[in-house]
Amino acid sequence: MTEDQLDLYARISHSRTADEVVQQIELLILEGVLRDGDRLPGERELSKRFDVSRPILREALKELEARGLVESRHGGGTFVADVVGQIFSKPLIELIGRHHKATQDYLEYRRELEGLTAELAASRATDFDRDILTRVIERMRAAHRNGDFDEELSADIELHNAIGESAHNIILLHTLRACYRLLTQGIFFHRTSVFGAPGARDRLLAQHEAIYDAIMARDPEAAKAAAQSHIDFVAAAAYEAERTGEWARIARLRLQQRDRAGS
């Protein structure tokens, strides 16, 4: 690690108790620095970096595991637990997936959430945040040029996550991550059918670039407008895909009925 790099697991400078270690790791998870699935350093390295004894570290990790924040995998180490996935219960997710009105409500909710997040990001993004945003938008542009649809969709979610981090609001950050989890699971609609429409990928890239440009220009009003315009497009595309699919289903049923009548 070079001198200009920050150590996530900084030396405990106070009483060197397990509670101090627990608090530091909790804050890293709460602030979104550590994400679900991230592997913590090994016990020896972590105790050295915290400058605490290994018994104290073990006690801290045991407490974090009891709180459901980390999990030990046999022979694999200690990982950040899936705290985001617990925001929506499995029965609620299944209920949402069975009712189309939930899609409209989800997008309406996200429209306001994304607008506020982009607005705050334009005001609060640090130079480090702006570097991350630039890396992600460049990844998205490269995927677009290469026709790598899956990579472009992945970069789409990562960009929204990075904007959420740049807003520096913990509640917004974790709420957004829960929303994106539902989106990646295809609870509301299949992104490939929505974004696979002719010209959709070009328009989506332009929308993401508009949000990025406004944040980089530190223009909160423009960032909010660009984010909400993007969700408006997604909502319209989702509706069109659903309507087209429903029309196709009805037409297929009519054809089947006529075939039966003529036989």
Protein backbone atom coordinates (compact mmCIF):
# COMPACT_ATOMS: atom_id res chain seq x y z
CA MET A 1 0.00 0.00 0.00
CA THR A 2 1.43 3.39 -0.99
CA GLU A 3 1.52 6.42 1.30
CA ASP A 4 -1.40 8.15 -0.46
CA GLN A 5 -3.71 5.15 -0.03
CA LEU A 6 -6.10 4.94 2.89
CA ASP A 7 -6.29 1.76 4.95
CA LEU A 8 -9.89 0.62 5.41
CA TYR A 9 -8.94 -1.21 8.55
CA ALA A 10 -7.14 1.61 10.36
CA ARG A 11 -5.26 1.07 13.59
CA ILE A 12 -7.53 1.21 16.62
CA SER A 13 -6.20 4.19 18.57
CA HIS A 14 -8.27 4.05 21.74
CA SER A 15 -8.83 1.21 24.19
CA ARG A 16 -8.28 -1.53 21.60
CA THR A 17 -11.44 -3.43 22.51
CA ALA A 18 -13.62 -5.69 20.40
CA ASP A 19 -16.31 -2.97 20.44
CA GLU A 20 -13.92 -0.57 18.69
CA VAL A 21 -13.29 -3.11 15.93
CA VAL A 22 -17.01 -3.85 15.59
CA GLN A 23 -17.82 -0.15 15.28
CA GLN A 24 -15.21 0.45 12.58
CA ILE A 25 -16.35 -2.48 10.41
CA GLU A 26 -20.00 -1.56 10.97
CA LEU A 27 -19.33 1.96 9.68
CA LEU A 28 -17.56 0.60 6.59
CA ILE A 29 -20.66 -1.48 5.80
CA LEU A 30 -23.11 1.31 6.66
CA GLU A 31 -21.27 3.86 4.51
CA GLY A 32 -21.21 1.45 1.57
CA VAL A 33 -17.42 1.08 1.51
CA LEU A 34 -17.75 -2.65 2.13
CA ARG A 35 -20.43 -4.34 0.03
CA ASP A 36 -22.14 -7.67 0.44
CA GLY A 37 -19.84 -10.46 -0.69
CA ASP A 38 -16.63 -8.53 0.00
CA ARG A 39 -14.00 -10.67 1.72
CA LEU A 40 -12.33 -9.33 4.83
CA PRO A 41 -8.56 -9.78 5.15
CA GLY A 42 -7.33 -12.87 6.97
CA GLU A 43 -7.26 -12.92 10.76
CA ARG A 44 -3.52 -12.38 11.07
CA GLU A 45 -3.46 -9.45 8.64
CA LEU A 46 -6.61 -7.85 10.04
CA SER A 47 -5.41 -7.99 13.65
CA LYS A 48 -2.12 -6.42 12.55
CA ARG A 49 -3.84 -3.60 10.66
CA PHE A 50 -6.20 -2.86 13.54
CA ASP A 51 -3.29 -3.28 15.96
CA VAL A 52 -5.36 -5.51 18.24
CA SER A 53 -4.77 -9.00 19.58
CA ARG A 54 -6.22 -11.95 17.68
CA PRO A 55 -8.53 -12.90 20.61
CA ILE A 56 -10.01 -9.37 20.49
CA LEU A 57 -10.42 -9.61 16.71
CA ARG A 58 -12.12 -13.02 16.99
CA GLU A 59 -14.50 -11.60 19.59
CA ALA A 60 -15.34 -8.69 17.26
CA LEU A 61 -15.94 -10.95 14.25
CA LYS A 62 -18.13 -13.23 16.37
CA GLU A 63 -20.26 -10.24 17.40
CA LEU A 64 -20.52 -8.99 13.81
CA GLU A 65 -21.63 -12.47 12.73
CA ALA A 66 -24.23 -12.55 15.51
CA ARG A 67 -25.57 -9.24 14.19
CA GLY A 68 -25.86 -10.72 10.70
CA LEU A 69 -23.31 -8.36 9.19
CA VAL A 70 -20.59 -10.86 8.30
CA GLU A 71 -20.53 -14.58 7.66
CA SER A 72 -17.79 -17.17 7.94
CA ARG A 73 -17.36 -19.65 5.12
CA HIS A 74 -15.60 -22.87 6.00
CA GLY A 75 -12.10 -22.69 4.57
CA GLY A 76 -12.94 -19.49 2.71
CA GLY A 77 -12.65 -16.69 5.24
CA THR A 78 -15.05 -14.00 6.47
CA PHE A 79 -17.34 -12.10 4.10
CA VAL A 80 -19.76 -9.20 4.35
CA ALA A 81 -23.27 -10.65 4.60
CA ASP A 82 -26.10 -9.87 2.20
CA VAL A 83 -27.63 -7.09 4.25
CA VAL A 84 -29.27 -5.47 1.20
CA GLY A 85 -31.27 -8.56 0.33
CA GLN A 86 -32.99 -8.47 3.72
CA ILE A 87 -34.69 -5.10 3.11
CA PHE A 88 -37.47 -6.76 1.10
CA SER A 89 -38.70 -10.11 2.39
CA LYS A 90 -39.07 -13.06 0.01
CA PRO A 91 -42.88 -13.15 0.31
CA LEU A 92 -43.06 -9.41 -0.46
CA ILE A 93 -40.76 -9.79 -3.49
CA GLU A 94 -42.94 -12.61 -4.82
CA LEU A 95 -46.08 -10.55 -4.19
CA ILE A 96 -44.62 -7.57 -6.04
CA GLY A 97 -43.65 -9.79 -8.97
CA ARG A 98 -47.22 -11.06 -9.39
CA HIS A 99 -48.85 -7.65 -9.76
CA HIS A 100 -48.20 -5.30 -12.68
CA LYS A 101 -49.20 -2.17 -10.76
CA ALA A 102 -46.07 -2.66 -8.67
CA THR A 103 -43.95 -1.91 -11.75
CA GLN A 104 -45.57 1.50 -12.16
CA ASP A 105 -45.20 2.25 -8.45
CA TYR A 106 -41.57 1.10 -8.50
CA LEU A 107 -40.68 3.40 -11.39
CA GLU A 108 -42.62 6.30 -9.88
CA TYR A 109 -40.70 5.82 -6.63
CA ARG A 110 -37.38 5.47 -8.44
CA ARG A 111 -38.04 8.63 -10.46
CA GLU A 112 -38.11 10.74 -7.30
CA LEU A 113 -35.31 8.79 -5.66
CA GLU A 114 -32.97 8.99 -8.67
CA GLY A 115 -33.69 12.70 -9.12
CA LEU A 116 -32.81 13.48 -5.52
CA THR A 117 -29.74 11.25 -5.63
CA ALA A 118 -28.33 12.84 -8.79
CA GLU A 119 -29.07 16.30 -7.38
CA LEU A 120 -27.14 15.54 -4.19
CA ALA A 121 -24.31 13.88 -6.13
CA ALA A 122 -23.85 17.00 -8.24
CA SER A 123 -23.45 19.02 -5.03
CA ARG A 124 -21.46 16.56 -2.93
CA ALA A 125 -19.31 14.36 -5.19
CA THR A 126 -15.65 14.42 -4.20
CA ASP A 127 -12.77 14.14 -6.64
CA PHE A 128 -12.55 10.43 -5.78
CA ASP A 129 -16.28 10.01 -6.54
CA ARG A 130 -15.84 11.77 -9.85
CA ASP A 131 -12.95 9.45 -10.75
CA ILE A 132 -15.16 6.43 -10.05
CA LEU A 133 -18.02 7.86 -12.12
CA THR A 134 -15.63 8.50 -15.01
CA ARG A 135 -14.31 4.94 -14.90
CA VAL A 136 -17.84 3.51 -14.95
CA ILE A 137 -19.10 5.71 -17.79
CA GLU A 138 -16.01 4.80 -19.82
CA ARG A 139 -16.72 1.12 -19.16
CA MET A 140 -20.29 1.67 -20.35
CA ARG A 141 -19.12 3.43 -23.51
CA ALA A 142 -16.67 0.63 -24.30
CA ALA A 143 -19.37 -2.02 -23.83
CA HIS A 144 -21.66 -0.02 -26.08
CA ARG A 145 -19.02 0.24 -28.82
CA ASN A 146 -18.28 -3.49 -28.58
CA GLY A 147 -21.94 -4.48 -28.63
CA ASP A 148 -21.55 -6.24 -25.27
CA PHE A 149 -25.12 -6.01 -24.04
CA ASP A 150 -24.62 -7.84 -20.73
CA GLU A 151 -21.59 -5.72 -19.84
CA GLU A 152 -23.49 -2.55 -20.72
CA LEU A 153 -26.39 -3.55 -18.45
CA SER A 154 -23.91 -4.34 -15.66
CA ALA A 155 -22.26 -0.92 -16.10
CA ASP A 156 -25.74 0.65 -16.04
CA ILE A 157 -26.39 -0.65 -12.52
CA GLU A 158 -22.83 0.18 -11.41
CA LEU A 159 -23.20 3.78 -12.59
CA HIS A 160 -26.41 4.24 -10.61
CA ASN A 161 -24.69 2.70 -7.58
CA ALA A 162 -21.75 5.08 -7.99
CA ILE A 163 -24.10 8.06 -8.21
CA GLY A 164 -25.77 6.81 -5.02
CA GLU A 165 -22.40 6.68 -3.30
CA SER A 166 -21.57 10.18 -4.55
CA ALA A 167 -24.72 11.57 -2.89
CA HIS A 168 -23.20 10.76 0.53
CA ASN A 169 -26.53 9.92 2.15
CA ILE A 170 -26.48 6.53 3.86
CA ILE A 171 -30.25 5.95 3.78
CA LEU A 172 -30.48 6.85 0.09
CA LEU A 173 -27.53 4.60 -0.70
CA HIS A 174 -29.00 1.45 0.84
CA THR A 175 -32.52 2.15 -0.41
CA LEU A 176 -31.18 2.46 -3.95
CA ARG A 177 -29.18 -0.74 -3.63
CA ALA A 178 -32.34 -2.57 -2.56
CA CYS A 179 -34.17 -1.15 -5.59
CA TYR A 180 -31.39 -2.22 -7.95
CA ARG A 181 -31.37 -5.70 -6.44
CA LEU A 182 -35.03 -6.11 -7.43
CA LEU A 183 -34.23 -4.78 -10.90
CA THR A 184 -31.33 -7.17 -11.51
CA GLN A 185 -33.51 -10.08 -10.35
CA GLY A 186 -36.05 -9.24 -13.05
CA ILE A 187 -38.85 -8.76 -10.51
CA PHE A 188 -40.50 -5.93 -12.42
CA PHE A 189 -39.60 -6.51 -16.06
CA HIS A 190 -36.95 -8.18 -18.14
CA ARG A 191 -34.40 -5.50 -18.96
CA THR A 192 -33.31 -7.32 -22.10
CA SER A 193 -36.78 -7.05 -23.62
CA VAL A 194 -37.14 -3.40 -22.60
CA PHE A 195 -33.69 -2.20 -23.59
CA GLY A 196 -33.40 -4.45 -26.60
CA ALA A 197 -35.84 -2.30 -28.56
CA PRO A 198 -34.47 -0.59 -31.71
CA GLY A 199 -32.46 2.50 -30.80
CA ALA A 200 -32.96 2.00 -27.06
CA ARG A 201 -29.29 1.36 -26.28
CA ASP A 202 -28.18 4.57 -27.99
CA ARG A 203 -30.78 6.61 -26.15
CA LEU A 204 -29.92 5.02 -22.81
CA LEU A 205 -26.21 5.75 -23.24
CA ALA A 206 -27.02 9.38 -24.09
CA GLN A 207 -29.23 9.63 -20.98
CA HIS A 208 -26.53 8.21 -18.72
CA GLU A 209 -23.97 10.58 -20.24
CA ALA A 210 -26.32 13.51 -19.58
CA ILE A 211 -26.58 12.56 -15.89
CA TYR A 212 -22.81 12.08 -15.70
CA ASP A 213 -22.09 15.41 -17.43
CA ALA A 214 -24.41 17.31 -15.09
CA ILE A 215 -22.81 15.79 -12.00
CA MET A 216 -19.32 16.53 -13.31
CA ALA A 217 -20.42 20.12 -14.05
CA ARG A 218 -21.72 20.36 -10.46
CA ASP A 219 -25.18 21.32 -11.76
CA PRO A 220 -27.76 19.86 -9.34
CA GLU A 221 -30.80 21.06 -11.31
CA ALA A 222 -29.60 19.57 -14.57
CA ALA A 223 -28.57 16.33 -12.84
CA LYS A 224 -32.02 15.91 -11.30
CA ALA A 225 -33.77 16.65 -14.59
CA ALA A 226 -31.53 14.23 -16.51
CA ALA A 227 -32.07 11.42 -13.97
CA GLN A 228 -35.84 11.84 -13.98
CA SER A 229 -35.94 12.02 -17.77
CA HIS A 230 -34.03 8.73 -17.85
CA ILE A 231 -36.58 7.02 -15.58
CA ASP A 232 -39.43 8.45 -17.68
CA PHE A 233 -37.90 6.75 -20.72
CA VAL A 234 -37.50 3.46 -18.85
CA ALA A 235 -41.13 3.64 -17.68
CA ALA A 236 -42.36 4.27 -21.23
CA ALA A 237 -40.19 1.45 -22.60
CA ALA A 238 -41.42 -0.96 -19.91
CA TYR A 239 -45.04 -0.08 -20.68
CA GLU A 240 -44.49 -0.51 -24.41
CA ALA A 241 -42.83 -3.90 -23.92
CA GLU A 242 -45.65 -5.04 -21.66
CA ARG A 243 -48.33 -3.77 -24.03
CA THR A 244 -46.68 -5.35 -27.07
CA GLY A 245 -46.34 -8.63 -25.22
CA GLU A 246 -49.99 -8.53 -24.16
CA TRP A 247 -51.13 -7.75 -27.70
CA ALA A 248 -49.05 -10.63 -29.00
CA ARG A 249 -50.63 -12.96 -26.41
CA ILE A 250 -54.17 -11.90 -27.39
CA ALA A 251 -53.42 -12.24 -31.11
CA ARG A 252 -52.01 -15.73 -30.51
CA LEU A 253 -55.15 -16.76 -28.60
CA ARG A 254 -57.36 -15.42 -31.41
CA LEU A 255 -55.38 -17.37 -33.97
CA GLN A 256 -55.63 -20.55 -31.90
CA GLN A 257 -59.39 -20.07 -31.55
CA ARG A 258 -59.85 -19.57 -35.28
CA ASP A 259 -57.75 -22.65 -36.02
CA ARG A 260 -59.97 -24.68 -33.69
CA ALA A 261 -63.13 -23.27 -35.27
CA GLY A 262 -61.92 -24.08 -38.75
CA SER A 263 -60.88 -27.64 -37.93
